Amino acid sequence: MSRFAYCGVLAFIVVGSVWLEVGMRTRVVARWRRFLLAVTPVVATMVVWDVYAISRGHWSFSPTQTLGALLPGRLPVEELLFFVVVPFAAVLTLEGVRSVTGWTVGDEPVVEAGERGDA
């Protein structure tokens, strides 16, 4: 059962945050290209770093705690999923907070004074 430990953590993260997509109407899934553009450079960097660290013996992943499916560089598939799932949950959370509070994060379209109706 411990082979599913890493997957269990990832599943817990998904279950704990995916409801925000429906409940708060965050529309993160609908804007999947935007999400991929944001996480792809980070995922690529972290995968390279992980593979390097594994090759140098800086760290390893327990075969008893992972499924055993390895990507090139002896990277467990769960580790790659971690680099996608955690940012996805973070973006869902941020968008959920934004939907409740009305906070802006700087990526909103600029509205001219005449377009707001307060000319």
PDB file of N, CA and C in Angstrom:
ATOM      1  N   MET A   1       0.820  -1.207   0.000  1.00  0.00           N
ATOM      2  CA  MET A   1       0.000   0.000   0.000  1.00  0.00           C
ATOM      3  C   MET A   1       0.859   1.265   0.000  1.00  0.00           C
ATOM      4  N   SER A   2       2.065   1.160   0.565  1.00  0.00           N
ATOM      5  CA  SER A   2       2.907   2.350   0.611  1.00  0.00           C
ATOM      6  C   SER A   2       3.401   2.766  -0.771  1.00  0.00           C
ATOM      7  N   ARG A   3       3.275   1.872  -1.772  1.00  0.00           N
ATOM      8  CA  ARG A   3       3.658   2.232  -3.140  1.00  0.00           C
ATOM      9  C   ARG A   3       2.812   3.396  -3.667  1.00  0.00           C
ATOM     10  N   PHE A   4       1.658   3.591  -3.062  1.00  0.00           N
ATOM     11  CA  PHE A   4       0.747   4.643  -3.498  1.00  0.00           C
ATOM     12  C   PHE A   4       0.868   5.906  -2.650  1.00  0.00           C
ATOM     13  N   ALA A   5       1.881   5.984  -1.799  1.00  0.00           N
ATOM     14  CA  ALA A   5       2.012   7.117  -0.881  1.00  0.00           C
ATOM     15  C   ALA A   5       2.119   8.444  -1.634  1.00  0.00           C
ATOM     16  N   TYR A   6       3.019   8.531  -2.600  1.00  0.00           N
ATOM     17  CA  TYR A   6       3.213   9.780  -3.347  1.00  0.00           C
ATOM     18  C   TYR A   6       1.954  10.110  -4.150  1.00  0.00           C
ATOM     19  N   CYS A   7       1.380   9.082  -4.789  1.00  0.00           N
ATOM     20  CA  CYS A   7       0.134   9.304  -5.538  1.00  0.00           C
ATOM     21  C   CYS A   7      -0.992   9.738  -4.607  1.00  0.00           C
ATOM     22  N   GLY A   8      -1.011   9.192  -3.408  1.00  0.00           N
ATOM     23  CA  GLY A   8      -2.032   9.579  -2.437  1.00  0.00           C
ATOM     24  C   GLY A   8      -1.938  11.051  -2.063  1.00  0.00           C
ATOM     25  N   VAL A   9      -0.727  11.528  -1.874  1.00  0.00           N
ATOM     26  CA  VAL A   9      -0.531  12.946  -1.566  1.00  0.00           C
ATOM     27  C   VAL A   9      -1.020  13.803  -2.736  1.00  0.00           C
ATOM     28  N   LEU A  10      -0.665  13.414  -3.950  1.00  0.00           N
ATOM     29  CA  LEU A  10      -1.110  14.170  -5.129  1.00  0.00           C
ATOM     30  C   LEU A  10      -2.632  14.151  -5.250  1.00  0.00           C
ATOM     31  N   ALA A  11      -3.240  12.997  -5.013  1.00  0.00           N
ATOM     32  CA  ALA A  11      -4.702  12.895  -5.067  1.00  0.00           C
ATOM     33  C   ALA A  11      -5.352  13.787  -4.013  1.00  0.00           C
ATOM     34  N   PHE A  12      -4.788  13.805  -2.820  1.00  0.00           N
ATOM     35  CA  PHE A  12      -5.310  14.661  -1.750  1.00  0.00           C
ATOM     36  C   PHE A  12      -5.256  16.134  -2.161  1.00  0.00           C
ATOM     37  N   ILE A  13      -4.168  16.548  -2.794  1.00  0.00           N
ATOM     38  CA  ILE A  13      -4.028  17.926  -3.250  1.00  0.00           C
ATOM     39  C   ILE A  13      -5.082  18.242  -4.304  1.00  0.00           C
ATOM     40  N   VAL A  14      -5.286  17.330  -5.249  1.00  0.00           N
ATOM     41  CA  VAL A  14      -6.280  17.551  -6.307  1.00  0.00           C
ATOM     42  C   VAL A  14      -7.679  17.629  -5.714  1.00  0.00           C
ATOM     43  N   VAL A  15      -8.042  16.671  -4.878  1.00  0.00           N
ATOM     44  CA  VAL A  15      -9.384  16.654  -4.279  1.00  0.00           C
ATOM     45  C   VAL A  15      -9.609  17.901  -3.421  1.00  0.00           C
ATOM     46  N   GLY A  16      -8.564  18.345  -2.741  1.00  0.00           N
ATOM     47  CA  GLY A  16      -8.693  19.509  -1.874  1.00  0.00           C
ATOM     48  C   GLY A  16      -8.852  20.826  -2.610  1.00  0.00           C
ATOM     49  N   SER A  17      -8.507  20.847  -3.895  1.00  0.00           N
ATOM     50  CA  SER A  17      -8.558  22.124  -4.607  1.00  0.00           C
ATOM     51  C   SER A  17      -9.422  22.128  -5.861  1.00  0.00           C
ATOM     52  N   VAL A  18      -9.678  20.988  -6.461  1.00  0.00           N
ATOM     53  CA  VAL A  18     -10.384  20.979  -7.747  1.00  0.00           C
ATOM     54  C   VAL A  18     -11.834  21.467  -7.617  1.00  0.00           C
ATOM     55  N   TRP A  19     -12.412  21.359  -6.447  1.00  0.00           N
ATOM     56  CA  TRP A  19     -13.780  21.846  -6.258  1.00  0.00           C
ATOM     57  C   TRP A  19     -13.886  23.348  -6.508  1.00  0.00           C
ATOM     58  N   LEU A  20     -12.764  24.059  -6.373  1.00  0.00           N
ATOM     59  CA  LEU A  20     -12.773  25.505  -6.617  1.00  0.00           C
ATOM     60  C   LEU A  20     -13.118  25.832  -8.063  1.00  0.00           C
ATOM     61  N   GLU A  21     -12.763  24.941  -8.972  1.00  0.00           N
ATOM     62  CA  GLU A  21     -13.062  25.151 -10.392  1.00  0.00           C
ATOM     63  C   GLU A  21     -14.562  25.253 -10.618  1.00  0.00           C
ATOM     64  N   VAL A  22     -15.313  24.407  -9.954  1.00  0.00           N
ATOM     65  CA  VAL A  22     -16.769  24.401 -10.110  1.00  0.00           C
ATOM     66  C   VAL A  22     -17.432  25.338  -9.108  1.00  0.00           C
ATOM     67  N   GLY A  23     -17.065  25.199  -7.842  1.00  0.00           N
ATOM     68  CA  GLY A  23     -17.717  25.952  -6.779  1.00  0.00           C
ATOM     69  C   GLY A  23     -17.485  27.451  -6.852  1.00  0.00           C
ATOM     70  N   MET A  24     -16.297  27.856  -7.235  1.00  0.00           N
ATOM     71  CA  MET A  24     -15.955  29.278  -7.293  1.00  0.00           C
ATOM     72  C   MET A  24     -15.877  29.800  -8.729  1.00  0.00           C
ATOM     73  N   ARG A  25     -16.080  28.891  -9.675  1.00  0.00           N
ATOM     74  CA  ARG A  25     -16.023  29.265 -11.105  1.00  0.00           C
ATOM     75  C   ARG A  25     -14.703  29.959 -11.450  1.00  0.00           C
ATOM     76  N   THR A  26     -13.601  29.336 -11.082  1.00  0.00           N
ATOM     77  CA  THR A  26     -12.290  29.948 -11.298  1.00  0.00           C
ATOM     78  C   THR A  26     -11.864  29.949 -12.757  1.00  0.00           C
ATOM     79  N   ARG A  27     -12.387  29.022 -13.565  1.00  0.00           N
ATOM     80  CA  ARG A  27     -12.111  28.923 -14.996  1.00  0.00           C
ATOM     81  C   ARG A  27     -10.634  28.666 -15.315  1.00  0.00           C
ATOM     82  N   VAL A  28      -9.926  28.033 -14.425  1.00  0.00           N
ATOM     83  CA  VAL A  28      -8.529  27.683 -14.686  1.00  0.00           C
ATOM     84  C   VAL A  28      -8.449  26.620 -15.776  1.00  0.00           C
ATOM     85  N   VAL A  29      -9.326  25.632 -15.721  1.00  0.00           N
ATOM     86  CA  VAL A  29      -9.321  24.567 -16.726  1.00  0.00           C
ATOM     87  C   VAL A  29      -9.697  25.132 -18.092  1.00  0.00           C
ATOM     88  N   ALA A  30     -10.633  26.050 -18.130  1.00  0.00           N
ATOM     89  CA  ALA A  30     -11.040  26.644 -19.400  1.00  0.00           C
ATOM     90  C   ALA A  30      -9.908  27.454 -20.030  1.00  0.00           C
ATOM     91  N   ARG A  31      -9.013  27.962 -19.203  1.00  0.00           N
ATOM     92  CA  ARG A  31      -7.857  28.728 -19.703  1.00  0.00           C
ATOM     93  C   ARG A  31      -6.586  27.890 -19.588  1.00  0.00           C
ATOM     94  N   TRP A  32      -6.645  26.651 -20.055  1.00  0.00           N
ATOM     95  CA  TRP A  32      -5.545  25.707 -19.893  1.00  0.00           C
ATOM     96  C   TRP A  32      -4.276  26.159 -20.605  1.00  0.00           C
ATOM     97  N   ARG A  33      -4.407  26.850 -21.744  1.00  0.00           N
ATOM     98  CA  ARG A  33      -3.201  27.320 -22.447  1.00  0.00           C
ATOM     99  C   ARG A  33      -2.427  28.311 -21.583  1.00  0.00           C
ATOM    100  N   ARG A  34      -3.139  29.174 -20.923  1.00  0.00           N
ATOM    101  CA  ARG A  34      -2.526  30.166 -20.032  1.00  0.00           C
ATOM    102  C   ARG A  34      -1.779  29.469 -18.894  1.00  0.00           C
ATOM    103  N   PHE A  35      -2.419  28.456 -18.321  1.00  0.00           N
ATOM    104  CA  PHE A  35      -1.787  27.701 -17.248  1.00  0.00           C
ATOM    105  C   PHE A  35      -0.519  27.003 -17.746  1.00  0.00           C
ATOM    106  N   LEU A  36      -0.596  26.356 -18.901  1.00  0.00           N
ATOM    107  CA  LEU A  36       0.571  25.668 -19.456  1.00  0.00           C
ATOM    108  C   LEU A  36       1.711  26.629 -19.760  1.00  0.00           C
ATOM    109  N   LEU A  37       1.387  27.797 -20.276  1.00  0.00           N
ATOM    110  CA  LEU A  37       2.432  28.799 -20.528  1.00  0.00           C
ATOM    111  C   LEU A  37       3.119  29.223 -19.232  1.00  0.00           C
ATOM    112  N   ALA A  38       2.362  29.257 -18.167  1.00  0.00           N
ATOM    113  CA  ALA A  38       2.921  29.679 -16.882  1.00  0.00           C
ATOM    114  C   ALA A  38       3.787  28.589 -16.248  1.00  0.00           C
ATOM    115  N   VAL A  39       3.374  27.326 -16.332  1.00  0.00           N
ATOM    116  CA  VAL A  39       4.097  26.281 -15.612  1.00  0.00           C
ATOM    117  C   VAL A  39       5.164  25.564 -16.432  1.00  0.00           C
ATOM    118  N   THR A  40       5.090  25.613 -17.744  1.00  0.00           N
ATOM    119  CA  THR A  40       6.046  24.858 -18.558  1.00  0.00           C
ATOM    120  C   THR A  40       7.504  25.215 -18.266  1.00  0.00           C
ATOM    121  N   PRO A  41       7.873  26.498 -18.197  1.00  0.00           N
ATOM    122  CA  PRO A  41       9.280  26.787 -17.889  1.00  0.00           C
ATOM    123  C   PRO A  41       9.701  26.293 -16.507  1.00  0.00           C
ATOM    124  N   VAL A  42       8.812  26.370 -15.549  1.00  0.00           N
ATOM    125  CA  VAL A  42       9.123  25.919 -14.191  1.00  0.00           C
ATOM    126  C   VAL A  42       9.256  24.397 -14.168  1.00  0.00           C
ATOM    127  N   VAL A  43       8.330  23.700 -14.807  1.00  0.00           N
ATOM    128  CA  VAL A  43       8.391  22.237 -14.853  1.00  0.00           C
ATOM    129  C   VAL A  43       9.684  21.790 -15.523  1.00  0.00           C
ATOM    130  N   ALA A  44      10.023  22.400 -16.637  1.00  0.00           N
ATOM    131  CA  ALA A  44      11.253  22.026 -17.345  1.00  0.00           C
ATOM    132  C   ALA A  44      12.481  22.239 -16.455  1.00  0.00           C
ATOM    133  N   THR A  45      12.546  23.374 -15.798  1.00  0.00           N
ATOM    134  CA  THR A  45      13.677  23.674 -14.923  1.00  0.00           C
ATOM    135  C   THR A  45      13.765  22.684 -13.769  1.00  0.00           C
ATOM    136  N   MET A  46      12.643  22.398 -13.133  1.00  0.00           N
ATOM    137  CA  MET A  46      12.650  21.505 -11.982  1.00  0.00           C
ATOM    138  C   MET A  46      12.972  20.063 -12.380  1.00  0.00           C
ATOM    139  N   VAL A  47      12.509  19.631 -13.551  1.00  0.00           N
ATOM    140  CA  VAL A  47      12.824  18.278 -14.008  1.00  0.00           C
ATOM    141  C   VAL A  47      14.319  18.145 -14.264  1.00  0.00           C
ATOM    142  N   VAL A  48      14.898  19.139 -14.926  1.00  0.00           N
ATOM    143  CA  VAL A  48      16.345  19.110 -15.169  1.00  0.00           C
ATOM    144  C   VAL A  48      17.101  19.082 -13.844  1.00  0.00           C
ATOM    145  N   TRP A  49      16.685  19.912 -12.906  1.00  0.00           N
ATOM    146  CA  TRP A  49      17.332  19.959 -11.594  1.00  0.00           C
ATOM    147  C   TRP A  49      17.213  18.608 -10.882  1.00  0.00           C
ATOM    148  N   ASP A  50      16.022  18.033 -10.881  1.00  0.00           N
ATOM    149  CA  ASP A  50      15.812  16.741 -10.231  1.00  0.00           C
ATOM    150  C   ASP A  50      16.677  15.647 -10.860  1.00  0.00           C
ATOM    151  N   VAL A  51      16.678  15.580 -12.184  1.00  0.00           N
ATOM    152  CA  VAL A  51      17.463  14.554 -12.875  1.00  0.00           C
ATOM    153  C   VAL A  51      18.952  14.728 -12.562  1.00  0.00           C
ATOM    154  N   TYR A  52      19.408  15.964 -12.546  1.00  0.00           N
ATOM    155  CA  TYR A  52      20.808  16.220 -12.193  1.00  0.00           C
ATOM    156  C   TYR A  52      21.095  15.765 -10.759  1.00  0.00           C
ATOM    157  N   ALA A  53      20.223  16.124  -9.836  1.00  0.00           N
ATOM    158  CA  ALA A  53      20.428  15.773  -8.428  1.00  0.00           C
ATOM    159  C   ALA A  53      20.391  14.259  -8.226  1.00  0.00           C
ATOM    160  N   ILE A  54      19.516  13.583  -8.939  1.00  0.00           N
ATOM    161  CA  ILE A  54      19.453  12.121  -8.845  1.00  0.00           C
ATOM    162  C   ILE A  54      20.749  11.517  -9.389  1.00  0.00           C
ATOM    163  N   SER A  55      21.217  12.034 -10.534  1.00  0.00           N
ATOM    164  CA  SER A  55      22.430  11.479 -11.148  1.00  0.00           C
ATOM    165  C   SER A  55      23.667  11.690 -10.279  1.00  0.00           C
ATOM    166  N   ARG A  56      23.680  12.752  -9.499  1.00  0.00           N
ATOM    167  CA  ARG A  56      24.816  13.049  -8.625  1.00  0.00           C
ATOM    168  C   ARG A  56      24.679  12.413  -7.243  1.00  0.00           C
ATOM    169  N   GLY A  57      23.546  11.764  -6.984  1.00  0.00           N
ATOM    170  CA  GLY A  57      23.333  11.131  -5.691  1.00  0.00           C
ATOM    171  C   GLY A  57      22.924  12.092  -4.591  1.00  0.00           C
ATOM    172  N   HIS A  58      22.500  13.300  -4.958  1.00  0.00           N
ATOM    173  CA  HIS A  58      22.076  14.282  -3.949  1.00  0.00           C
ATOM    174  C   HIS A  58      20.772  13.864  -3.274  1.00  0.00           C
ATOM    175  N   TRP A  59      19.888  13.224  -4.035  1.00  0.00           N
ATOM    176  CA  TRP A  59      18.695  12.664  -3.441  1.00  0.00           C
ATOM    177  C   TRP A  59      18.176  11.538  -4.304  1.00  0.00           C
ATOM    178  N   SER A  60      17.229  10.822  -3.723  1.00  0.00           N
ATOM    179  CA  SER A  60      16.646   9.681  -4.428  1.00  0.00           C
ATOM    180  C   SER A  60      15.188   9.539  -3.998  1.00  0.00           C
ATOM    181  N   PHE A  61      14.505   8.645  -4.667  1.00  0.00           N
ATOM    182  CA  PHE A  61      13.104   8.385  -4.360  1.00  0.00           C
ATOM    183  C   PHE A  61      12.972   6.918  -3.995  1.00  0.00           C
ATOM    184  N   SER A  62      12.300   6.658  -2.908  1.00  0.00           N
ATOM    185  CA  SER A  62      12.155   5.290  -2.429  1.00  0.00           C
ATOM    186  C   SER A  62      11.263   4.486  -3.371  1.00  0.00           C
ATOM    187  N   PRO A  63      11.758   3.362  -3.858  1.00  0.00           N
ATOM    188  CA  PRO A  63      10.920   2.521  -4.721  1.00  0.00           C
ATOM    189  C   PRO A  63       9.730   1.916  -3.973  1.00  0.00           C
ATOM    190  N   THR A  64       9.788   1.889  -2.654  1.00  0.00           N
ATOM    191  CA  THR A  64       8.649   1.371  -1.884  1.00  0.00           C
ATOM    192  C   THR A  64       7.567   2.423  -1.688  1.00  0.00           C
ATOM    193  N   GLN A  65       7.874   3.692  -1.970  1.00  0.00           N
ATOM    194  CA  GLN A  65       6.912   4.775  -1.786  1.00  0.00           C
ATOM    195  C   GLN A  65       6.369   5.308  -3.113  1.00  0.00           C
ATOM    196  N   THR A  66       6.872   4.794  -4.224  1.00  0.00           N
ATOM    197  CA  THR A  66       6.436   5.243  -5.552  1.00  0.00           C
ATOM    198  C   THR A  66       5.961   4.050  -6.362  1.00  0.00           C
ATOM    199  N   LEU A  67       5.314   4.307  -7.470  1.00  0.00           N
ATOM    200  CA  LEU A  67       4.778   3.239  -8.307  1.00  0.00           C
ATOM    201  C   LEU A  67       5.866   2.439  -9.010  1.00  0.00           C
ATOM    202  N   GLY A  68       7.027   3.030  -9.189  1.00  0.00           N
ATOM    203  CA  GLY A  68       8.118   2.347  -9.868  1.00  0.00           C
ATOM    204  C   GLY A  68       8.231   2.711 -11.335  1.00  0.00           C
ATOM    205  N   ALA A  69       7.305   3.505 -11.854  1.00  0.00           N
ATOM    206  CA  ALA A  69       7.372   3.966 -13.239  1.00  0.00           C
ATOM    207  C   ALA A  69       8.357   5.132 -13.296  1.00  0.00           C
ATOM    208  N   LEU A  70       9.446   4.918 -14.005  1.00  0.00           N
ATOM    209  CA  LEU A  70      10.491   5.932 -14.061  1.00  0.00           C
ATOM    210  C   LEU A  70      10.586   6.542 -15.452  1.00  0.00           C
ATOM    211  N   LEU A  71      10.780   7.840 -15.471  1.00  0.00           N
ATOM    212  CA  LEU A  71      11.029   8.572 -16.706  1.00  0.00           C
ATOM    213  C   LEU A  71      12.539   8.585 -16.952  1.00  0.00           C
ATOM    214  N   PRO A  72      12.976   9.033 -18.107  1.00  0.00           N
ATOM    215  CA  PRO A  72      14.418   9.129 -18.324  1.00  0.00           C
ATOM    216  C   PRO A  72      15.092   9.922 -17.197  1.00  0.00           C
ATOM    217  N   GLY A  73      16.282   9.490 -16.817  1.00  0.00           N
ATOM    218  CA  GLY A  73      16.989  10.113 -15.709  1.00  0.00           C
ATOM    219  C   GLY A  73      16.582   9.548 -14.366  1.00  0.00           C
ATOM    220  N   ARG A  74      15.859   8.426 -14.370  1.00  0.00           N
ATOM    221  CA  ARG A  74      15.366   7.770 -13.150  1.00  0.00           C
ATOM    222  C   ARG A  74      14.417   8.653 -12.339  1.00  0.00           C
ATOM    223  N   LEU A  75      13.701   9.540 -13.024  1.00  0.00           N
ATOM    224  CA  LEU A  75      12.734  10.422 -12.372  1.00  0.00           C
ATOM    225  C   LEU A  75      11.390   9.703 -12.257  1.00  0.00           C
ATOM    226  N   PRO A  76      10.861   9.533 -11.042  1.00  0.00           N
ATOM    227  CA  PRO A  76       9.545   8.902 -10.899  1.00  0.00           C
ATOM    228  C   PRO A  76       8.463   9.763 -11.557  1.00  0.00           C
ATOM    229  N   VAL A  77       7.515   9.105 -12.167  1.00  0.00           N
ATOM    230  CA  VAL A  77       6.436   9.823 -12.843  1.00  0.00           C
ATOM    231  C   VAL A  77       5.670  10.702 -11.850  1.00  0.00           C
ATOM    232  N   GLU A  78       5.608  10.279 -10.591  1.00  0.00           N
ATOM    233  CA  GLU A  78       4.916  11.076  -9.571  1.00  0.00           C
ATOM    234  C   GLU A  78       5.596  12.422  -9.350  1.00  0.00           C
ATOM    235  N   GLU A  79       6.910  12.449  -9.503  1.00  0.00           N
ATOM    236  CA  GLU A  79       7.637  13.710  -9.302  1.00  0.00           C
ATOM    237  C   GLU A  79       7.278  14.704 -10.404  1.00  0.00           C
ATOM    238  N   LEU A  80       7.175  14.226 -11.634  1.00  0.00           N
ATOM    239  CA  LEU A  80       6.735  15.103 -12.729  1.00  0.00           C
ATOM    240  C   LEU A  80       5.315  15.597 -12.467  1.00  0.00           C
ATOM    241  N   LEU A  81       4.446  14.705 -12.038  1.00  0.00           N
ATOM    242  CA  LEU A  81       3.073  15.105 -11.726  1.00  0.00           C
ATOM    243  C   LEU A  81       3.028  16.133 -10.596  1.00  0.00           C
ATOM    244  N   PHE A  82       3.928  16.001  -9.635  1.00  0.00           N
ATOM    245  CA  PHE A  82       4.004  16.965  -8.534  1.00  0.00           C
ATOM    246  C   PHE A  82       4.219  18.380  -9.071  1.00  0.00           C
ATOM    247  N   PHE A  83       5.091  18.505 -10.078  1.00  0.00           N
ATOM    248  CA  PHE A  83       5.406  19.821 -10.629  1.00  0.00           C
ATOM    249  C   PHE A  83       4.251  20.423 -11.424  1.00  0.00           C
ATOM    250  N   VAL A  84       3.240  19.627 -11.733  1.00  0.00           N
ATOM    251  CA  VAL A  84       2.046  20.135 -12.418  1.00  0.00           C
ATOM    252  C   VAL A  84       0.891  20.298 -11.431  1.00  0.00           C
ATOM    253  N   VAL A  85       0.700  19.310 -10.561  1.00  0.00           N
ATOM    254  CA  VAL A  85      -0.440  19.297  -9.643  1.00  0.00           C
ATOM    255  C   VAL A  85      -0.358  20.421  -8.617  1.00  0.00           C
ATOM    256  N   VAL A  86       0.795  20.626  -8.022  1.00  0.00           N
ATOM    257  CA  VAL A  86       0.907  21.652  -6.980  1.00  0.00           C
ATOM    258  C   VAL A  86       0.696  23.061  -7.550  1.00  0.00           C
ATOM    259  N   PRO A  87       1.315  23.429  -8.672  1.00  0.00           N
ATOM    260  CA  PRO A  87       0.998  24.744  -9.239  1.00  0.00           C
ATOM    261  C   PRO A  87      -0.472  24.867  -9.651  1.00  0.00           C
ATOM    262  N   PHE A  88      -1.063  23.787 -10.157  1.00  0.00           N
ATOM    263  CA  PHE A  88      -2.480  23.813 -10.528  1.00  0.00           C
ATOM    264  C   PHE A  88      -3.333  24.111  -9.302  1.00  0.00           C
ATOM    265  N   ALA A  89      -3.046  23.454  -8.190  1.00  0.00           N
ATOM    266  CA  ALA A  89      -3.784  23.704  -6.956  1.00  0.00           C
ATOM    267  C   ALA A  89      -3.559  25.135  -6.464  1.00  0.00           C
ATOM    268  N   ALA A  90      -2.342  25.633  -6.605  1.00  0.00           N
ATOM    269  CA  ALA A  90      -2.043  26.999  -6.165  1.00  0.00           C
ATOM    270  C   ALA A  90      -2.801  28.014  -7.012  1.00  0.00           C
ATOM    271  N   VAL A  91      -2.843  27.800  -8.322  1.00  0.00           N
ATOM    272  CA  VAL A  91      -3.570  28.723  -9.201  1.00  0.00           C
ATOM    273  C   VAL A  91      -5.064  28.653  -8.919  1.00  0.00           C
ATOM    274  N   LEU A  92      -5.588  27.443  -8.713  1.00  0.00           N
ATOM    275  CA  LEU A  92      -7.000  27.320  -8.355  1.00  0.00           C
ATOM    276  C   LEU A  92      -7.302  28.075  -7.071  1.00  0.00           C
ATOM    277  N   THR A  93      -6.435  27.959  -6.094  1.00  0.00           N
ATOM    278  CA  THR A  93      -6.636  28.655  -4.823  1.00  0.00           C
ATOM    279  C   THR A  93      -6.581  30.162  -5.007  1.00  0.00           C
ATOM    280  N   LEU A  94      -5.582  30.635  -5.745  1.00  0.00           N
ATOM    281  CA  LEU A  94      -5.481  32.073  -6.012  1.00  0.00           C
ATOM    282  C   LEU A  94      -6.730  32.582  -6.718  1.00  0.00           C
ATOM    283  N   GLU A  95      -7.164  31.877  -7.740  1.00  0.00           N
ATOM    284  CA  GLU A  95      -8.355  32.310  -8.479  1.00  0.00           C
ATOM    285  C   GLU A  95      -9.611  32.217  -7.618  1.00  0.00           C
ATOM    286  N   GLY A  96      -9.679  31.241  -6.716  1.00  0.00           N
ATOM    287  CA  GLY A  96     -10.804  31.159  -5.788  1.00  0.00           C
ATOM    288  C   GLY A  96     -10.844  32.356  -4.856  1.00  0.00           C
ATOM    289  N   VAL A  97      -9.693  32.736  -4.328  1.00  0.00           N
ATOM    290  CA  VAL A  97      -9.615  33.919  -3.462  1.00  0.00           C
ATOM    291  C   VAL A  97      -9.988  35.163  -4.254  1.00  0.00           C
ATOM    292  N   ARG A  98      -9.478  35.262  -5.467  1.00  0.00           N
ATOM    293  CA  ARG A  98      -9.811  36.425  -6.308  1.00  0.00           C
ATOM    294  C   ARG A  98     -11.303  36.516  -6.577  1.00  0.00           C
ATOM    295  N   SER A  99     -11.959  35.378  -6.788  1.00  0.00           N
ATOM    296  CA  SER A  99     -13.393  35.415  -7.094  1.00  0.00           C
ATOM    297  C   SER A  99     -14.207  35.888  -5.898  1.00  0.00           C
ATOM    298  N   VAL A 100     -13.727  35.635  -4.701  1.00  0.00           N
ATOM    299  CA  VAL A 100     -14.451  36.051  -3.493  1.00  0.00           C
ATOM    300  C   VAL A 100     -14.124  37.493  -3.123  1.00  0.00           C
ATOM    301  N   THR A 101     -12.858  37.872  -3.230  1.00  0.00           N
ATOM    302  CA  THR A 101     -12.426  39.181  -2.743  1.00  0.00           C
ATOM    303  C   THR A 101     -12.427  40.270  -3.805  1.00  0.00           C
ATOM    304  N   GLY A 102     -12.344  39.862  -5.082  1.00  0.00           N
ATOM    305  CA  GLY A 102     -12.242  40.859  -6.147  1.00  0.00           C
ATOM    306  C   GLY A 102     -10.826  41.386  -6.319  1.00  0.00           C
ATOM    307  N   TRP A 103      -9.850  40.750  -5.668  1.00  0.00           N
ATOM    308  CA  TRP A 103      -8.455  41.177  -5.793  1.00  0.00           C
ATOM    309  C   TRP A 103      -7.988  41.077  -7.232  1.00  0.00           C
ATOM    310  N   THR A 104      -7.078  41.951  -7.576  1.00  0.00           N
ATOM    311  CA  THR A 104      -6.443  41.879  -8.885  1.00  0.00           C
ATOM    312  C   THR A 104      -4.997  41.441  -8.686  1.00  0.00           C
ATOM    313  N   VAL A 105      -4.439  40.832  -9.721  1.00  0.00           N
ATOM    314  CA  VAL A 105      -3.041  40.397  -9.646  1.00  0.00           C
ATOM    315  C   VAL A 105      -2.212  40.994 -10.770  1.00  0.00           C
ATOM    316  N   GLY A 106      -2.801  41.904 -11.525  1.00  0.00           N
ATOM    317  CA  GLY A 106      -2.038  42.617 -12.534  1.00  0.00           C
ATOM    318  C   GLY A 106      -2.185  42.095 -13.940  1.00  0.00           C
ATOM    319  N   ASP A 107      -2.978  41.053 -14.146  1.00  0.00           N
ATOM    320  CA  ASP A 107      -3.133  40.538 -15.499  1.00  0.00           C
ATOM    321  C   ASP A 107      -4.507  40.862 -16.088  1.00  0.00           C
ATOM    322  N   GLU A 108      -5.236  41.728 -15.409  1.00  0.00           N
ATOM    323  CA  GLU A 108      -6.554  42.100 -15.883  1.00  0.00           C
ATOM    324  C   GLU A 108      -6.421  43.117 -17.017  1.00  0.00           C
ATOM    325  N   PRO A 109      -7.368  43.122 -17.946  1.00  0.00           N
ATOM    326  CA  PRO A 109      -7.305  44.106 -19.032  1.00  0.00           C
ATOM    327  C   PRO A 109      -7.476  45.529 -18.490  1.00  0.00           C
ATOM    328  N   VAL A 110      -6.761  46.446 -19.095  1.00  0.00           N
ATOM    329  CA  VAL A 110      -6.864  47.848 -18.697  1.00  0.00           C
ATOM    330  C   VAL A 110      -8.169  48.401 -19.241  1.00  0.00           C
ATOM    331  N   VAL A 111      -8.918  49.062 -18.365  1.00  0.00           N
ATOM    332  CA  VAL A 111     -10.194  49.655 -18.751  1.00  0.00           C
ATOM    333  C   VAL A 111     -10.020  51.166 -18.739  1.00  0.00           C
ATOM    334  N   GLU A 112     -10.293  51.782 -19.866  1.00  0.00           N
ATOM    335  CA  GLU A 112     -10.186  53.232 -19.967  1.00  0.00           C
ATOM    336  C   GLU A 112     -11.317  53.903 -19.192  1.00  0.00           C
ATOM    337  N   ALA A 113     -11.104  55.146 -18.780  1.00  0.00           N
ATOM    338  CA  ALA A 113     -12.083  55.867 -17.955  1.00  0.00           C
ATOM    339  C   ALA A 113     -13.437  55.935 -18.620  1.00  0.00           C
ATOM    340  N   GLY A 114     -13.504  56.185 -19.894  1.00  0.00           N
ATOM    341  CA  GLY A 114     -14.771  56.294 -20.608  1.00  0.00           C
ATOM    342  C   GLY A 114     -15.491  54.963 -20.710  1.00  0.00           C
ATOM    343  N   GLU A 115     -14.756  53.862 -20.648  1.00  0.00           N
ATOM    344  CA  GLU A 115     -15.364  52.540 -20.760  1.00  0.00           C
ATOM    345  C   GLU A 115     -15.968  52.076 -19.443  1.00  0.00           C
ATOM    346  N   ARG A 116     -15.539  52.648 -18.318  1.00  0.00           N
ATOM    347  CA  ARG A 116     -16.048  52.249 -17.023  1.00  0.00           C
ATOM    348  C   ARG A 116     -17.417  52.853 -16.741  1.00  0.00           C
ATOM    349  N   GLY A 117     -17.758  53.858 -17.460  1.00  0.00           N
ATOM    350  CA  GLY A 117     -19.011  54.539 -17.191  1.00  0.00           C
ATOM    351  C   GLY A 117     -18.874  55.652 -16.181  1.00  0.00           C
ATOM    352  N   ASP A 118     -17.641  56.027 -15.820  1.00  0.00           N
ATOM    353  CA  ASP A 118     -17.445  57.096 -14.844  1.00  0.00           C
ATOM    354  C   ASP A 118     -16.776  58.306 -15.488  1.00  0.00           C
ATOM    355  N   ALA A 119     -17.038  58.486 -16.762  1.00  0.00           N
ATOM    356  CA  ALA A 119     -16.415  59.576 -17.507  1.00  0.00           C
ATOM    357  C   ALA A 119     -16.751  60.870 -16.875  1.00  0.00           C
TER     358      ALA A 119
END
